[in-house]
Amino acid sequence: MFGLGLEENEVFIRWLLIERAKYFKKYPERRKKTWYVVPQMEQPDSRMAGKMYFLRSIGFEIMETRNYEDIYAGPWGN
């Protein structure tokens, strides 16, 4: 997953991710791997640290790239 800011206006998305985590806790055999792709930051701020904590706590694996170009061009070999 990329392009998710988890800003204040994305309350529904946060709720949906929490409900997804509850569902997979109840039915662990249905769990699929999930990644959050984000450019690596030299000095992550407290908001970014909180976001990473939240995503890890609901089962996401954090995939850091060097920059945004790696996110959009890398998977397709452009």
PDB file of N, CA and C in Angstrom:
ATOM      1  N   MET A   1       0.857  -1.157   0.000  1.00  0.00           N
ATOM      2  CA  MET A   1       0.000   0.000   0.000  1.00  0.00           C
ATOM      3  C   MET A   1       0.904   1.220   0.000  1.00  0.00           C
ATOM      4  N   PHE A   2       0.578   2.174  -0.827  1.00  0.00           N
ATOM      5  CA  PHE A   2       1.279   3.453  -0.782  1.00  0.00           C
ATOM      6  C   PHE A   2       0.299   4.560  -1.123  1.00  0.00           C
ATOM      7  N   GLY A   3       0.670   5.774  -0.799  1.00  0.00           N
ATOM      8  CA  GLY A   3      -0.206   6.908  -1.024  1.00  0.00           C
ATOM      9  C   GLY A   3      -1.171   7.163   0.120  1.00  0.00           C
ATOM     10  N   LEU A   4      -0.942   6.519   1.234  1.00  0.00           N
ATOM     11  CA  LEU A   4      -1.817   6.676   2.395  1.00  0.00           C
ATOM     12  C   LEU A   4      -1.124   7.564   3.409  1.00  0.00           C
ATOM     13  N   GLY A   5      -1.704   8.722   3.657  1.00  0.00           N
ATOM     14  CA  GLY A   5      -1.085   9.652   4.590  1.00  0.00           C
ATOM     15  C   GLY A   5      -1.512   9.458   6.032  1.00  0.00           C
ATOM     16  N   LEU A   6      -2.661   8.818   6.238  1.00  0.00           N
ATOM     17  CA  LEU A   6      -3.255   8.682   7.570  1.00  0.00           C
ATOM     18  C   LEU A   6      -3.362  10.030   8.268  1.00  0.00           C
ATOM     19  N   GLU A   7      -3.754  11.025   7.504  1.00  0.00           N
ATOM     20  CA  GLU A   7      -3.951  12.357   8.065  1.00  0.00           C
ATOM     21  C   GLU A   7      -5.276  12.398   8.827  1.00  0.00           C
ATOM     22  N   GLU A   8      -5.562  13.530   9.419  1.00  0.00           N
ATOM     23  CA  GLU A   8      -6.765  13.685  10.232  1.00  0.00           C
ATOM     24  C   GLU A   8      -8.040  13.436   9.443  1.00  0.00           C
ATOM     25  N   ASN A   9      -8.019  13.709   8.134  1.00  0.00           N
ATOM     26  CA  ASN A   9      -9.213  13.540   7.317  1.00  0.00           C
ATOM     27  C   ASN A   9      -9.394  12.098   6.835  1.00  0.00           C
ATOM     28  N   GLU A  10      -8.541  11.198   7.244  1.00  0.00           N
ATOM     29  CA  GLU A  10      -8.635   9.805   6.817  1.00  0.00           C
ATOM     30  C   GLU A  10      -9.056   8.890   7.966  1.00  0.00           C
ATOM     31  N   VAL A  11      -9.967   9.371   8.782  1.00  0.00           N
ATOM     32  CA  VAL A  11     -10.447   8.605   9.934  1.00  0.00           C
ATOM     33  C   VAL A  11     -11.083   7.293   9.485  1.00  0.00           C
ATOM     34  N   PHE A  12     -11.866   7.335   8.412  1.00  0.00           N
ATOM     35  CA  PHE A  12     -12.524   6.123   7.931  1.00  0.00           C
ATOM     36  C   PHE A  12     -11.502   5.062   7.536  1.00  0.00           C
ATOM     37  N   ILE A  13     -10.419   5.473   6.893  1.00  0.00           N
ATOM     38  CA  ILE A  13      -9.383   4.515   6.485  1.00  0.00           C
ATOM     39  C   ILE A  13      -8.745   3.878   7.712  1.00  0.00           C
ATOM     40  N   ARG A  14      -8.440   4.677   8.727  1.00  0.00           N
ATOM     41  CA  ARG A  14      -7.873   4.114   9.960  1.00  0.00           C
ATOM     42  C   ARG A  14      -8.831   3.111  10.578  1.00  0.00           C
ATOM     43  N   TRP A  15     -10.107   3.476  10.649  1.00  0.00           N
ATOM     44  CA  TRP A  15     -11.111   2.571  11.208  1.00  0.00           C
ATOM     45  C   TRP A  15     -11.160   1.274  10.400  1.00  0.00           C
ATOM     46  N   LEU A  16     -11.141   1.386   9.079  1.00  0.00           N
ATOM     47  CA  LEU A  16     -11.189   0.212   8.218  1.00  0.00           C
ATOM     48  C   LEU A  16      -9.971  -0.687   8.439  1.00  0.00           C
ATOM     49  N   LEU A  17      -8.803  -0.100   8.593  1.00  0.00           N
ATOM     50  CA  LEU A  17      -7.594  -0.890   8.848  1.00  0.00           C
ATOM     51  C   LEU A  17      -7.662  -1.589  10.203  1.00  0.00           C
ATOM     52  N   ILE A  18      -8.217  -0.920  11.200  1.00  0.00           N
ATOM     53  CA  ILE A  18      -8.371  -1.542  12.521  1.00  0.00           C
ATOM     54  C   ILE A  18      -9.355  -2.704  12.439  1.00  0.00           C
ATOM     55  N   GLU A  19     -10.457  -2.516  11.733  1.00  0.00           N
ATOM     56  CA  GLU A  19     -11.435  -3.599  11.567  1.00  0.00           C
ATOM     57  C   GLU A  19     -10.830  -4.771  10.801  1.00  0.00           C
ATOM     58  N   ARG A  20      -9.987  -4.470   9.823  1.00  0.00           N
ATOM     59  CA  ARG A  20      -9.289  -5.520   9.067  1.00  0.00           C
ATOM     60  C   ARG A  20      -8.401  -6.338   9.999  1.00  0.00           C
ATOM     61  N   ALA A  21      -7.689  -5.660  10.885  1.00  0.00           N
ATOM     62  CA  ALA A  21      -6.823  -6.353  11.842  1.00  0.00           C
ATOM     63  C   ALA A  21      -7.643  -7.236  12.776  1.00  0.00           C
ATOM     64  N   LYS A  22      -8.797  -6.741  13.229  1.00  0.00           N
ATOM     65  CA  LYS A  22      -9.672  -7.553  14.084  1.00  0.00           C
ATOM     66  C   LYS A  22     -10.159  -8.797  13.344  1.00  0.00           C
ATOM     67  N   TYR A  23     -10.509  -8.623  12.084  1.00  0.00           N
ATOM     68  CA  TYR A  23     -10.984  -9.740  11.261  1.00  0.00           C
ATOM     69  C   TYR A  23      -9.908 -10.818  11.150  1.00  0.00           C
ATOM     70  N   PHE A  24      -8.679 -10.398  10.861  1.00  0.00           N
ATOM     71  CA  PHE A  24      -7.596 -11.369  10.714  1.00  0.00           C
ATOM     72  C   PHE A  24      -7.196 -11.986  12.043  1.00  0.00           C
ATOM     73  N   LYS A  25      -7.440 -11.296  13.136  1.00  0.00           N
ATOM     74  CA  LYS A  25      -7.188 -11.896  14.447  1.00  0.00           C
ATOM     75  C   LYS A  25      -8.190 -13.022  14.695  1.00  0.00           C
ATOM     76  N   LYS A  26      -9.412 -12.809  14.247  1.00  0.00           N
ATOM     77  CA  LYS A  26     -10.455 -13.820  14.407  1.00  0.00           C
ATOM     78  C   LYS A  26     -10.277 -14.981  13.424  1.00  0.00           C
ATOM     79  N   TYR A  27      -9.806 -14.686  12.216  1.00  0.00           N
ATOM     80  CA  TYR A  27      -9.606 -15.691  11.167  1.00  0.00           C
ATOM     81  C   TYR A  27      -8.160 -15.629  10.660  1.00  0.00           C
ATOM     82  N   PRO A  28      -7.189 -16.069  11.456  1.00  0.00           N
ATOM     83  CA  PRO A  28      -5.781 -15.927  11.069  1.00  0.00           C
ATOM     84  C   PRO A  28      -5.409 -16.675   9.786  1.00  0.00           C
ATOM     85  N   GLU A  29      -6.122 -17.718   9.454  1.00  0.00           N
ATOM     86  CA  GLU A  29      -5.810 -18.475   8.238  1.00  0.00           C
ATOM     87  C   GLU A  29      -6.112 -17.668   6.972  1.00  0.00           C
ATOM     88  N   ARG A  30      -6.854 -16.601   7.085  1.00  0.00           N
ATOM     89  CA  ARG A  30      -7.199 -15.765   5.931  1.00  0.00           C
ATOM     90  C   ARG A  30      -6.257 -14.574   5.751  1.00  0.00           C
ATOM     91  N   ARG A  31      -5.331 -14.419   6.677  1.00  0.00           N
ATOM     92  CA  ARG A  31      -4.412 -13.272   6.645  1.00  0.00           C
ATOM     93  C   ARG A  31      -3.522 -13.329   5.405  1.00  0.00           C
ATOM     94  N   LYS A  32      -3.316 -12.177   4.820  1.00  0.00           N
ATOM     95  CA  LYS A  32      -2.401 -12.002   3.696  1.00  0.00           C
ATOM     96  C   LYS A  32      -1.336 -10.993   4.110  1.00  0.00           C
ATOM     97  N   LYS A  33      -0.154 -11.124   3.531  1.00  0.00           N
ATOM     98  CA  LYS A  33       0.900 -10.153   3.828  1.00  0.00           C
ATOM     99  C   LYS A  33       0.497  -8.786   3.291  1.00  0.00           C
ATOM    100  N   THR A  34       0.851  -7.756   4.051  1.00  0.00           N
ATOM    101  CA  THR A  34       0.537  -6.389   3.661  1.00  0.00           C
ATOM    102  C   THR A  34       1.765  -5.522   3.898  1.00  0.00           C
ATOM    103  N   TRP A  35       2.072  -4.674   2.929  1.00  0.00           N
ATOM    104  CA  TRP A  35       3.231  -3.797   3.025  1.00  0.00           C
ATOM    105  C   TRP A  35       2.805  -2.350   2.899  1.00  0.00           C
ATOM    106  N   TYR A  36       3.507  -1.495   3.610  1.00  0.00           N
ATOM    107  CA  TYR A  36       3.358  -0.053   3.452  1.00  0.00           C
ATOM    108  C   TYR A  36       4.684   0.444   2.905  1.00  0.00           C
ATOM    109  N   VAL A  37       4.652   1.030   1.713  1.00  0.00           N
ATOM    110  CA  VAL A  37       5.866   1.473   1.034  1.00  0.00           C
ATOM    111  C   VAL A  37       6.018   2.972   1.249  1.00  0.00           C
ATOM    112  N   VAL A  38       7.185   3.352   1.746  1.00  0.00           N
ATOM    113  CA  VAL A  38       7.422   4.758   2.098  1.00  0.00           C
ATOM    114  C   VAL A  38       8.889   5.103   1.846  1.00  0.00           C
ATOM    115  N   PRO A  39       9.178   6.332   1.382  1.00  0.00           N
ATOM    116  CA  PRO A  39      10.578   6.738   1.247  1.00  0.00           C
ATOM    117  C   PRO A  39      11.234   6.848   2.619  1.00  0.00           C
ATOM    118  N   GLN A  40      12.472   6.452   2.688  1.00  0.00           N
ATOM    119  CA  GLN A  40      13.217   6.516   3.945  1.00  0.00           C
ATOM    120  C   GLN A  40      13.454   7.976   4.316  1.00  0.00           C
ATOM    121  N   MET A  41      13.274   8.284   5.580  1.00  0.00           N
ATOM    122  CA  MET A  41      13.474   9.651   6.060  1.00  0.00           C
ATOM    123  C   MET A  41      14.714   9.697   6.945  1.00  0.00           C
ATOM    124  N   GLU A  42      15.533  10.748   6.761  1.00  0.00           N
ATOM    125  CA  GLU A  42      16.721  10.898   7.601  1.00  0.00           C
ATOM    126  C   GLU A  42      16.338  11.185   9.042  1.00  0.00           C
ATOM    127  N   GLN A  43      15.390  12.075   9.228  1.00  0.00           N
ATOM    128  CA  GLN A  43      14.945  12.470  10.563  1.00  0.00           C
ATOM    129  C   GLN A  43      13.428  12.308  10.655  1.00  0.00           C
ATOM    130  N   PRO A  44      12.929  11.091  10.903  1.00  0.00           N
ATOM    131  CA  PRO A  44      11.472  10.947  11.002  1.00  0.00           C
ATOM    132  C   PRO A  44      10.921  11.726  12.189  1.00  0.00           C
ATOM    133  N   ASP A  45       9.825  12.436  11.957  1.00  0.00           N
ATOM    134  CA  ASP A  45       9.212  13.192  13.047  1.00  0.00           C
ATOM    135  C   ASP A  45       8.301  12.278  13.864  1.00  0.00           C
ATOM    136  N   SER A  46       7.732  12.818  14.920  1.00  0.00           N
ATOM    137  CA  SER A  46       6.912  12.000  15.816  1.00  0.00           C
ATOM    138  C   SER A  46       5.641  11.507  15.127  1.00  0.00           C
ATOM    139  N   ARG A  47       5.105  12.283  14.188  1.00  0.00           N
ATOM    140  CA  ARG A  47       3.913  11.835  13.458  1.00  0.00           C
ATOM    141  C   ARG A  47       4.233  10.615  12.614  1.00  0.00           C
ATOM    142  N   MET A  48       5.386  10.633  11.944  1.00  0.00           N
ATOM    143  CA  MET A  48       5.782   9.497  11.114  1.00  0.00           C
ATOM    144  C   MET A  48       6.055   8.280  11.991  1.00  0.00           C
ATOM    145  N   ALA A  49       6.701   8.488  13.120  1.00  0.00           N
ATOM    146  CA  ALA A  49       6.964   7.376  14.043  1.00  0.00           C
ATOM    147  C   ALA A  49       5.655   6.779  14.542  1.00  0.00           C
ATOM    148  N   GLY A  50       4.681   7.631  14.842  1.00  0.00           N
ATOM    149  CA  GLY A  50       3.371   7.151  15.277  1.00  0.00           C
ATOM    150  C   GLY A  50       2.656   6.374  14.190  1.00  0.00           C
ATOM    151  N   LYS A  51       2.767   6.860  12.958  1.00  0.00           N
ATOM    152  CA  LYS A  51       2.142   6.166  11.830  1.00  0.00           C
ATOM    153  C   LYS A  51       2.761   4.780  11.641  1.00  0.00           C
ATOM    154  N   MET A  52       4.092   4.708  11.715  1.00  0.00           N
ATOM    155  CA  MET A  52       4.768   3.418  11.551  1.00  0.00           C
ATOM    156  C   MET A  52       4.387   2.458  12.678  1.00  0.00           C
ATOM    157  N   TYR A  53       4.283   2.970  13.898  1.00  0.00           N
ATOM    158  CA  TYR A  53       3.868   2.143  15.034  1.00  0.00           C
ATOM    159  C   TYR A  53       2.466   1.590  14.803  1.00  0.00           C
ATOM    160  N   PHE A  54       1.547   2.455  14.383  1.00  0.00           N
ATOM    161  CA  PHE A  54       0.174   2.033  14.113  1.00  0.00           C
ATOM    162  C   PHE A  54       0.141   0.948  13.042  1.00  0.00           C
ATOM    163  N   LEU A  55       0.826   1.182  11.932  1.00  0.00           N
ATOM    164  CA  LEU A  55       0.785   0.216  10.830  1.00  0.00           C
ATOM    165  C   LEU A  55       1.391  -1.129  11.227  1.00  0.00           C
ATOM    166  N   ARG A  56       2.493  -1.102  11.955  1.00  0.00           N
ATOM    167  CA  ARG A  56       3.082  -2.369  12.419  1.00  0.00           C
ATOM    168  C   ARG A  56       2.132  -3.089  13.372  1.00  0.00           C
ATOM    169  N   SER A  57       1.450  -2.326  14.220  1.00  0.00           N
ATOM    170  CA  SER A  57       0.564  -2.942  15.209  1.00  0.00           C
ATOM    171  C   SER A  57      -0.645  -3.613  14.577  1.00  0.00           C
ATOM    172  N   ILE A  58      -1.002  -3.220  13.361  1.00  0.00           N
ATOM    173  CA  ILE A  58      -2.129  -3.868  12.689  1.00  0.00           C
ATOM    174  C   ILE A  58      -1.663  -4.843  11.610  1.00  0.00           C
ATOM    175  N   GLY A  59      -0.369  -5.179  11.624  1.00  0.00           N
ATOM    176  CA  GLY A  59       0.123  -6.248  10.768  1.00  0.00           C
ATOM    177  C   GLY A  59       0.809  -5.855   9.479  1.00  0.00           C
ATOM    178  N   PHE A  60       1.072  -4.568   9.282  1.00  0.00           N
ATOM    179  CA  PHE A  60       1.763  -4.142   8.070  1.00  0.00           C
ATOM    180  C   PHE A  60       3.270  -4.305   8.232  1.00  0.00           C
ATOM    181  N   GLU A  61       3.931  -4.670   7.154  1.00  0.00           N
ATOM    182  CA  GLU A  61       5.391  -4.657   7.110  1.00  0.00           C
ATOM    183  C   GLU A  61       5.783  -3.361   6.402  1.00  0.00           C
ATOM    184  N   ILE A  62       6.711  -2.615   6.985  1.00  0.00           N
ATOM    185  CA  ILE A  62       7.134  -1.335   6.421  1.00  0.00           C
ATOM    186  C   ILE A  62       8.268  -1.587   5.436  1.00  0.00           C
ATOM    187  N   MET A  63       8.089  -1.114   4.208  1.00  0.00           N
ATOM    188  CA  MET A  63       9.105  -1.240   3.163  1.00  0.00           C
ATOM    189  C   MET A  63       9.611   0.165   2.852  1.00  0.00           C
ATOM    190  N   GLU A  64      10.861   0.433   3.203  1.00  0.00           N
ATOM    191  CA  GLU A  64      11.422   1.760   2.954  1.00  0.00           C
ATOM    192  C   GLU A  64      12.218   1.749   1.656  1.00  0.00           C
ATOM    193  N   THR A  65      12.063   2.813   0.878  1.00  0.00           N
ATOM    194  CA  THR A  65      12.810   2.983  -0.357  1.00  0.00           C
ATOM    195  C   THR A  65      13.684   4.225  -0.224  1.00  0.00           C
ATOM    196  N   ARG A  66      14.557   4.433  -1.189  1.00  0.00           N
ATOM    197  CA  ARG A  66      15.433   5.607  -1.139  1.00  0.00           C
ATOM    198  C   ARG A  66      14.670   6.900  -1.388  1.00  0.00           C
ATOM    199  N   ASN A  67      13.691   6.848  -2.302  1.00  0.00           N
ATOM    200  CA  ASN A  67      12.949   8.060  -2.662  1.00  0.00           C
ATOM    201  C   ASN A  67      11.624   7.678  -3.324  1.00  0.00           C
ATOM    202  N   TYR A  68      10.833   8.681  -3.672  1.00  0.00           N
ATOM    203  CA  TYR A  68       9.531   8.415  -4.293  1.00  0.00           C
ATOM    204  C   TYR A  68       9.676   7.754  -5.660  1.00  0.00           C
ATOM    205  N   GLU A  69      10.719   8.100  -6.389  1.00  0.00           N
ATOM    206  CA  GLU A  69      10.924   7.508  -7.713  1.00  0.00           C
ATOM    207  C   GLU A  69      11.026   5.987  -7.621  1.00  0.00           C
ATOM    208  N   ASP A  70      11.691   5.484  -6.598  1.00  0.00           N
ATOM    209  CA  ASP A  70      11.796   4.034  -6.420  1.00  0.00           C
ATOM    210  C   ASP A  70      10.431   3.387  -6.209  1.00  0.00           C
ATOM    211  N   ILE A  71       9.528   4.103  -5.579  1.00  0.00           N
ATOM    212  CA  ILE A  71       8.192   3.553  -5.335  1.00  0.00           C
ATOM    213  C   ILE A  71       7.434   3.392  -6.646  1.00  0.00           C
ATOM    214  N   TYR A  72       7.450   4.429  -7.468  1.00  0.00           N
ATOM    215  CA  TYR A  72       6.614   4.429  -8.660  1.00  0.00           C
ATOM    216  C   TYR A  72       7.278   3.792  -9.871  1.00  0.00           C
ATOM    217  N   ALA A  73       8.589   3.892 -10.014  1.00  0.00           N
ATOM    218  CA  ALA A  73       9.262   3.344 -11.189  1.00  0.00           C
ATOM    219  C   ALA A  73       9.813   1.948 -10.943  1.00  0.00           C
ATOM    220  N   GLY A  74      10.266   1.673  -9.732  1.00  0.00           N
ATOM    221  CA  GLY A  74      10.926   0.410  -9.430  1.00  0.00           C
ATOM    222  C   GLY A  74      10.152  -0.852  -9.747  1.00  0.00           C
ATOM    223  N   PRO A  75       8.910  -0.985  -9.283  1.00  0.00           N
ATOM    224  CA  PRO A  75       8.193  -2.242  -9.498  1.00  0.00           C
ATOM    225  C   PRO A  75       7.971  -2.591 -10.963  1.00  0.00           C
ATOM    226  N   TRP A  76       7.936  -1.598 -11.836  1.00  0.00           N
ATOM    227  CA  TRP A  76       7.665  -1.860 -13.237  1.00  0.00           C
ATOM    228  C   TRP A  76       8.914  -1.766 -14.098  1.00  0.00           C
ATOM    229  N   GLY A  77      10.065  -1.542 -13.495  1.00  0.00           N
ATOM    230  CA  GLY A  77      11.332  -1.533 -14.209  1.00  0.00           C
ATOM    231  C   GLY A  77      11.536  -0.351 -15.133  1.00  0.00           C
ATOM    232  N   ASN A  78      10.879   0.760 -14.881  1.00  0.00           N
ATOM    233  CA  ASN A  78      11.041   1.952 -15.727  1.00  0.00           C
ATOM    234  C   ASN A  78      12.226   2.760 -15.298  1.00  0.00           C
TER     235      ASN A  78
END
